[in-house]
N, C-alpha and C. Protein backbone atom coordinates (compact mmCIF):
# COMPACT_ATOMS: atom_id res chain seq x y z
N MET A 1 -15.40 16.28 -2.17
CA MET A 1 -14.20 15.53 -1.93
C MET A 1 -13.17 15.85 -3.02
N THR A 2 -11.92 16.09 -2.66
CA THR A 2 -10.89 16.44 -3.63
C THR A 2 -10.39 15.24 -4.41
N GLU A 3 -10.72 14.06 -3.98
CA GLU A 3 -10.21 12.82 -4.57
C GLU A 3 -10.41 12.75 -6.07
N THR A 4 -11.56 13.19 -6.56
CA THR A 4 -11.84 13.08 -7.98
C THR A 4 -11.01 14.06 -8.79
N LEU A 5 -10.46 15.09 -8.18
CA LEU A 5 -9.67 16.08 -8.88
C LEU A 5 -8.20 15.68 -8.97
N GLN A 6 -7.77 14.74 -8.16
CA GLN A 6 -6.38 14.36 -8.13
C GLN A 6 -6.09 13.27 -9.14
N ASN A 7 -4.92 13.37 -9.73
CA ASN A 7 -4.47 12.40 -10.72
C ASN A 7 -3.48 11.46 -10.05
N PRO A 8 -3.70 10.15 -10.13
CA PRO A 8 -2.78 9.20 -9.52
C PRO A 8 -1.33 9.35 -10.00
N ASP A 9 -1.16 9.84 -11.24
CA ASP A 9 0.20 10.05 -11.78
C ASP A 9 1.03 10.97 -10.90
N GLU A 10 0.38 11.87 -10.18
CA GLU A 10 1.10 12.82 -9.32
C GLU A 10 1.89 12.11 -8.22
N PHE A 11 1.51 10.90 -7.88
CA PHE A 11 2.13 10.19 -6.76
C PHE A 11 3.19 9.18 -7.21
N LEU A 12 3.29 8.96 -8.53
CA LEU A 12 4.18 7.93 -9.03
C LEU A 12 5.57 8.47 -9.34
N PRO A 13 6.61 7.69 -9.17
CA PRO A 13 6.60 6.36 -8.57
C PRO A 13 6.42 6.44 -7.06
N LEU A 14 5.80 5.43 -6.51
CA LEU A 14 5.59 5.36 -5.06
C LEU A 14 6.88 4.92 -4.38
N THR A 15 7.07 5.36 -3.15
CA THR A 15 8.18 4.84 -2.36
C THR A 15 7.85 3.39 -2.01
N PRO A 16 8.86 2.58 -1.72
CA PRO A 16 8.58 1.20 -1.31
C PRO A 16 7.66 1.13 -0.10
N ALA A 17 7.82 2.02 0.86
CA ALA A 17 6.97 1.99 2.05
C ALA A 17 5.51 2.24 1.68
N VAL A 18 5.27 3.28 0.89
CA VAL A 18 3.89 3.61 0.50
C VAL A 18 3.29 2.50 -0.35
N PHE A 19 4.05 1.97 -1.29
CA PHE A 19 3.55 0.87 -2.12
C PHE A 19 3.15 -0.32 -1.25
N ASN A 20 4.02 -0.71 -0.31
CA ASN A 20 3.73 -1.86 0.53
C ASN A 20 2.54 -1.62 1.46
N ILE A 21 2.38 -0.42 1.96
CA ILE A 21 1.23 -0.10 2.81
C ILE A 21 -0.05 -0.18 1.99
N LEU A 22 -0.06 0.46 0.83
CA LEU A 22 -1.26 0.40 -0.03
C LEU A 22 -1.58 -1.04 -0.41
N LEU A 23 -0.55 -1.80 -0.76
CA LEU A 23 -0.76 -3.19 -1.15
C LEU A 23 -1.35 -4.00 0.00
N SER A 24 -0.93 -3.72 1.22
CA SER A 24 -1.47 -4.46 2.37
C SER A 24 -2.94 -4.13 2.61
N LEU A 25 -3.36 -2.94 2.18
CA LEU A 25 -4.75 -2.53 2.37
C LEU A 25 -5.65 -2.89 1.20
N ALA A 26 -5.08 -3.46 0.14
CA ALA A 26 -5.85 -3.74 -1.07
C ALA A 26 -6.99 -4.73 -0.84
N ASP A 27 -6.84 -5.61 0.15
CA ASP A 27 -7.91 -6.60 0.38
C ASP A 27 -8.72 -6.31 1.63
N GLY A 28 -8.58 -5.11 2.18
CA GLY A 28 -9.42 -4.73 3.31
C GLY A 28 -8.68 -3.89 4.32
N GLU A 29 -9.45 -3.31 5.21
CA GLU A 29 -8.87 -2.41 6.21
C GLU A 29 -8.03 -3.17 7.23
N LYS A 30 -7.05 -2.45 7.76
CA LYS A 30 -6.16 -3.02 8.78
C LYS A 30 -5.72 -1.92 9.73
N HIS A 31 -5.30 -2.33 10.91
CA HIS A 31 -4.69 -1.39 11.84
C HIS A 31 -3.18 -1.41 11.62
N GLY A 32 -2.48 -0.47 12.24
CA GLY A 32 -1.05 -0.30 12.00
C GLY A 32 -0.23 -1.56 12.17
N TYR A 33 -0.42 -2.26 13.27
CA TYR A 33 0.37 -3.46 13.51
C TYR A 33 0.06 -4.52 12.47
N GLY A 34 -1.20 -4.62 12.07
CA GLY A 34 -1.60 -5.56 11.03
C GLY A 34 -0.94 -5.23 9.70
N ILE A 35 -0.81 -3.95 9.40
CA ILE A 35 -0.12 -3.54 8.17
C ILE A 35 1.35 -3.97 8.23
N MET A 36 2.01 -3.71 9.36
CA MET A 36 3.42 -4.10 9.50
C MET A 36 3.60 -5.60 9.32
N GLN A 37 2.70 -6.39 9.91
CA GLN A 37 2.78 -7.85 9.79
C GLN A 37 2.60 -8.30 8.34
N GLU A 38 1.62 -7.71 7.65
CA GLU A 38 1.37 -8.12 6.28
C GLU A 38 2.52 -7.73 5.36
N VAL A 39 3.09 -6.55 5.55
CA VAL A 39 4.24 -6.15 4.73
C VAL A 39 5.38 -7.13 4.92
N GLU A 40 5.64 -7.50 6.16
CA GLU A 40 6.70 -8.47 6.44
C GLU A 40 6.41 -9.81 5.75
N ALA A 41 5.16 -10.27 5.84
CA ALA A 41 4.78 -11.55 5.22
C ALA A 41 4.86 -11.46 3.69
N ASN A 42 4.33 -10.37 3.11
CA ASN A 42 4.32 -10.21 1.66
C ASN A 42 5.72 -10.16 1.06
N THR A 43 6.66 -9.64 1.84
CA THR A 43 8.03 -9.49 1.35
C THR A 43 8.95 -10.59 1.87
N LYS A 44 8.36 -11.60 2.49
CA LYS A 44 9.13 -12.72 3.06
C LYS A 44 10.23 -12.23 3.99
N GLY A 45 9.89 -11.22 4.77
CA GLY A 45 10.81 -10.70 5.77
C GLY A 45 11.87 -9.75 5.24
N GLN A 46 11.84 -9.44 3.96
CA GLN A 46 12.85 -8.54 3.40
C GLN A 46 12.57 -7.08 3.72
N VAL A 47 11.31 -6.74 4.00
CA VAL A 47 10.95 -5.38 4.39
C VAL A 47 10.36 -5.45 5.80
N LEU A 48 11.09 -4.88 6.74
CA LEU A 48 10.62 -4.78 8.12
C LEU A 48 10.33 -3.30 8.38
N MET A 49 9.07 -2.98 8.47
CA MET A 49 8.66 -1.60 8.60
C MET A 49 8.50 -1.25 10.08
N GLY A 50 9.27 -0.30 10.53
CA GLY A 50 9.15 0.14 11.91
C GLY A 50 8.02 1.14 12.08
N PRO A 51 7.65 1.42 13.33
CA PRO A 51 6.54 2.33 13.59
C PRO A 51 6.76 3.74 13.03
N GLY A 52 7.99 4.23 13.07
CA GLY A 52 8.25 5.59 12.56
C GLY A 52 7.98 5.69 11.07
N THR A 53 8.47 4.72 10.32
CA THR A 53 8.24 4.70 8.88
C THR A 53 6.76 4.51 8.59
N LEU A 54 6.14 3.56 9.28
CA LEU A 54 4.73 3.27 9.05
C LEU A 54 3.86 4.49 9.32
N TYR A 55 3.96 5.04 10.51
CA TYR A 55 3.03 6.12 10.87
C TYR A 55 3.37 7.44 10.19
N GLY A 56 4.64 7.65 9.85
CA GLY A 56 4.98 8.83 9.05
C GLY A 56 4.38 8.72 7.66
N SER A 57 4.47 7.54 7.07
CA SER A 57 3.88 7.31 5.76
C SER A 57 2.36 7.40 5.82
N ILE A 58 1.77 6.82 6.84
CA ILE A 58 0.31 6.88 6.99
C ILE A 58 -0.17 8.33 7.09
N LYS A 59 0.55 9.14 7.84
CA LYS A 59 0.17 10.55 8.00
C LYS A 59 0.16 11.25 6.64
N ARG A 60 1.20 11.03 5.84
CA ARG A 60 1.27 11.66 4.52
C ARG A 60 0.21 11.09 3.58
N MET A 61 -0.06 9.81 3.69
CA MET A 61 -1.07 9.18 2.83
C MET A 61 -2.47 9.65 3.17
N LEU A 62 -2.74 9.89 4.45
CA LEU A 62 -4.03 10.45 4.86
C LEU A 62 -4.19 11.86 4.27
N GLN A 63 -3.14 12.66 4.36
CA GLN A 63 -3.19 14.03 3.82
C GLN A 63 -3.38 14.05 2.31
N ALA A 64 -2.83 13.05 1.63
CA ALA A 64 -2.94 12.97 0.17
C ALA A 64 -4.23 12.29 -0.29
N ASP A 65 -5.06 11.84 0.65
CA ASP A 65 -6.32 11.15 0.35
C ASP A 65 -6.11 9.80 -0.34
N LEU A 66 -4.97 9.16 -0.10
CA LEU A 66 -4.74 7.82 -0.62
C LEU A 66 -5.38 6.77 0.28
N ILE A 67 -5.46 7.08 1.56
CA ILE A 67 -6.12 6.21 2.53
C ILE A 67 -6.98 7.07 3.43
N GLU A 68 -7.84 6.41 4.19
CA GLU A 68 -8.65 7.11 5.18
C GLU A 68 -8.84 6.22 6.39
N GLU A 69 -9.15 6.85 7.52
CA GLU A 69 -9.43 6.06 8.71
C GLU A 69 -10.82 5.48 8.59
N SER A 70 -10.98 4.29 9.13
CA SER A 70 -12.26 3.62 9.12
C SER A 70 -12.79 3.53 10.54
N ASP A 71 -14.06 3.76 10.71
CA ASP A 71 -14.68 3.64 12.03
C ASP A 71 -15.21 2.24 12.28
N GLU A 72 -15.26 1.41 11.24
CA GLU A 72 -15.81 0.07 11.37
C GLU A 72 -14.82 -0.86 12.06
N ARG A 73 -15.35 -1.81 12.81
CA ARG A 73 -14.53 -2.82 13.47
C ARG A 73 -15.13 -4.18 13.17
N ALA A 74 -14.26 -5.14 12.85
CA ALA A 74 -14.74 -6.49 12.55
C ALA A 74 -15.52 -7.05 13.73
N ASP A 75 -14.96 -6.94 14.93
CA ASP A 75 -15.61 -7.40 16.14
C ASP A 75 -15.28 -6.41 17.25
N PRO A 76 -16.15 -5.41 17.48
CA PRO A 76 -15.86 -4.37 18.47
C PRO A 76 -15.58 -4.92 19.87
N GLN A 77 -16.15 -6.07 20.21
CA GLN A 77 -15.94 -6.65 21.53
C GLN A 77 -14.51 -7.16 21.72
N MET A 78 -13.89 -7.59 20.61
CA MET A 78 -12.56 -8.18 20.67
C MET A 78 -11.46 -7.18 20.31
N ASP A 79 -11.82 -5.94 20.07
CA ASP A 79 -10.86 -4.97 19.56
C ASP A 79 -10.55 -3.89 20.59
N ASP A 80 -9.35 -3.36 20.52
CA ASP A 80 -8.93 -2.25 21.36
C ASP A 80 -9.40 -0.96 20.68
N GLN A 81 -10.20 -0.16 21.35
CA GLN A 81 -10.76 1.05 20.76
C GLN A 81 -9.71 2.09 20.39
N ARG A 82 -8.50 1.95 20.94
CA ARG A 82 -7.44 2.91 20.62
C ARG A 82 -6.84 2.64 19.25
N ARG A 83 -7.05 1.46 18.72
CA ARG A 83 -6.50 1.14 17.40
C ARG A 83 -7.17 1.96 16.33
N ARG A 84 -6.37 2.41 15.39
CA ARG A 84 -6.89 3.11 14.22
C ARG A 84 -6.82 2.15 13.04
N TYR A 85 -7.91 2.05 12.32
CA TYR A 85 -7.97 1.20 11.14
C TYR A 85 -7.94 2.09 9.91
N TYR A 86 -7.28 1.59 8.87
CA TYR A 86 -7.11 2.36 7.65
C TYR A 86 -7.62 1.54 6.47
N LYS A 87 -8.09 2.26 5.46
CA LYS A 87 -8.55 1.61 4.23
C LYS A 87 -8.21 2.49 3.05
N LEU A 88 -8.14 1.86 1.88
CA LEU A 88 -7.86 2.59 0.65
C LEU A 88 -9.02 3.49 0.27
N THR A 89 -8.72 4.64 -0.29
CA THR A 89 -9.73 5.45 -0.95
C THR A 89 -9.75 5.05 -2.42
N ALA A 90 -10.69 5.57 -3.17
CA ALA A 90 -10.73 5.29 -4.61
C ALA A 90 -9.44 5.79 -5.26
N LEU A 91 -8.96 6.96 -4.85
CA LEU A 91 -7.71 7.49 -5.38
C LEU A 91 -6.54 6.57 -5.01
N GLY A 92 -6.52 6.07 -3.80
CA GLY A 92 -5.46 5.17 -3.37
C GLY A 92 -5.46 3.88 -4.18
N ARG A 93 -6.63 3.35 -4.45
CA ARG A 93 -6.73 2.12 -5.24
C ARG A 93 -6.26 2.36 -6.68
N ARG A 94 -6.66 3.48 -7.28
CA ARG A 94 -6.21 3.79 -8.65
C ARG A 94 -4.70 3.99 -8.69
N THR A 95 -4.17 4.66 -7.69
CA THR A 95 -2.72 4.91 -7.62
C THR A 95 -1.97 3.59 -7.46
N LEU A 96 -2.45 2.72 -6.58
CA LEU A 96 -1.82 1.42 -6.38
C LEU A 96 -1.84 0.61 -7.67
N ARG A 97 -2.97 0.59 -8.37
CA ARG A 97 -3.07 -0.15 -9.62
C ARG A 97 -2.09 0.38 -10.65
N MET A 98 -1.99 1.70 -10.77
CA MET A 98 -1.07 2.29 -11.74
C MET A 98 0.38 1.97 -11.40
N GLU A 99 0.72 1.98 -10.13
CA GLU A 99 2.09 1.64 -9.73
C GLU A 99 2.37 0.17 -9.98
N ALA A 100 1.42 -0.70 -9.71
CA ALA A 100 1.60 -2.13 -9.97
C ALA A 100 1.79 -2.37 -11.47
N GLU A 101 1.05 -1.66 -12.30
CA GLU A 101 1.21 -1.78 -13.75
C GLU A 101 2.57 -1.28 -14.19
N ARG A 102 3.04 -0.19 -13.58
CA ARG A 102 4.36 0.35 -13.91
C ARG A 102 5.45 -0.66 -13.54
N LEU A 103 5.33 -1.24 -12.36
CA LEU A 103 6.32 -2.24 -11.91
C LEU A 103 6.25 -3.50 -12.77
N ASP A 104 5.04 -3.90 -13.16
CA ASP A 104 4.88 -5.07 -14.01
C ASP A 104 5.61 -4.85 -15.33
N GLU A 105 5.52 -3.67 -15.88
CA GLU A 105 6.21 -3.38 -17.14
C GLU A 105 7.73 -3.45 -16.94
N GLN A 106 8.22 -3.00 -15.80
CA GLN A 106 9.65 -3.10 -15.52
C GLN A 106 10.10 -4.55 -15.44
N VAL A 107 9.28 -5.40 -14.83
CA VAL A 107 9.61 -6.83 -14.75
C VAL A 107 9.60 -7.44 -16.15
N ARG A 108 8.67 -7.03 -17.01
CA ARG A 108 8.64 -7.54 -18.38
C ARG A 108 9.94 -7.19 -19.13
N VAL A 109 10.41 -5.97 -18.90
CA VAL A 109 11.66 -5.56 -19.53
C VAL A 109 12.80 -6.43 -19.01
N ALA A 110 12.85 -6.67 -17.71
CA ALA A 110 13.89 -7.51 -17.12
C ALA A 110 13.84 -8.92 -17.70
N ARG A 111 12.63 -9.45 -17.92
CA ARG A 111 12.50 -10.78 -18.52
C ARG A 111 13.02 -10.79 -19.96
N ARG A 112 12.66 -9.74 -20.72
CA ARG A 112 13.13 -9.66 -22.11
C ARG A 112 14.66 -9.60 -22.18
N LYS A 113 15.26 -9.08 -21.15
CA LYS A 113 16.71 -8.98 -21.10
C LYS A 113 17.35 -10.19 -20.43
N ASN A 114 16.52 -11.22 -20.23
CA ASN A 114 16.97 -12.49 -19.65
C ASN A 114 17.58 -12.33 -18.26
N LEU A 115 17.04 -11.45 -17.49
CA LEU A 115 17.53 -11.25 -16.13
C LEU A 115 16.78 -12.08 -15.10
N LEU A 116 15.61 -12.59 -15.47
CA LEU A 116 14.78 -13.36 -14.54
C LEU A 116 14.44 -14.71 -15.12
N SER A 117 14.14 -15.65 -14.23
CA SER A 117 13.69 -16.95 -14.74
C SER A 117 12.37 -16.75 -15.48
N GLY A 118 12.13 -17.57 -16.44
CA GLY A 118 10.93 -17.42 -17.26
C GLY A 118 11.12 -16.41 -18.35
N SER A 119 12.38 -15.98 -18.57
CA SER A 119 12.66 -15.00 -19.61
C SER A 119 12.49 -15.63 -20.99
N THR A 120 12.06 -14.78 -21.91
CA THR A 120 11.91 -15.23 -23.28
C THR A 120 13.10 -14.75 -24.09
N THR A 121 13.40 -15.46 -25.13
CA THR A 121 14.53 -15.04 -25.97
C THR A 121 14.08 -14.39 -27.24
């Protein structure tokens, strides 16, 4: 597997679409529509991801080994077999963590500059 040879730094900074997709998969696998719903919920409706953006990003993320398709189904009887489920790879999880840390540092800088509530003087 090429995953161990790739450095997460190569992918940073992530685009907002890729970051939100990876973040939606951080707590488990989801199908495309589920990813779109979670992104909308996580961003309080500020990011509405259409199918073109979602599936274009998914295609590139699959090629980069950030995510992979999953064959598992929570309840095969209740699921449409045409749905594709996606999950993070180890590389995807490391990349997501590094991007979250990078963004966290940016928020800390904004707080130090008194741009956000909870800023320190």
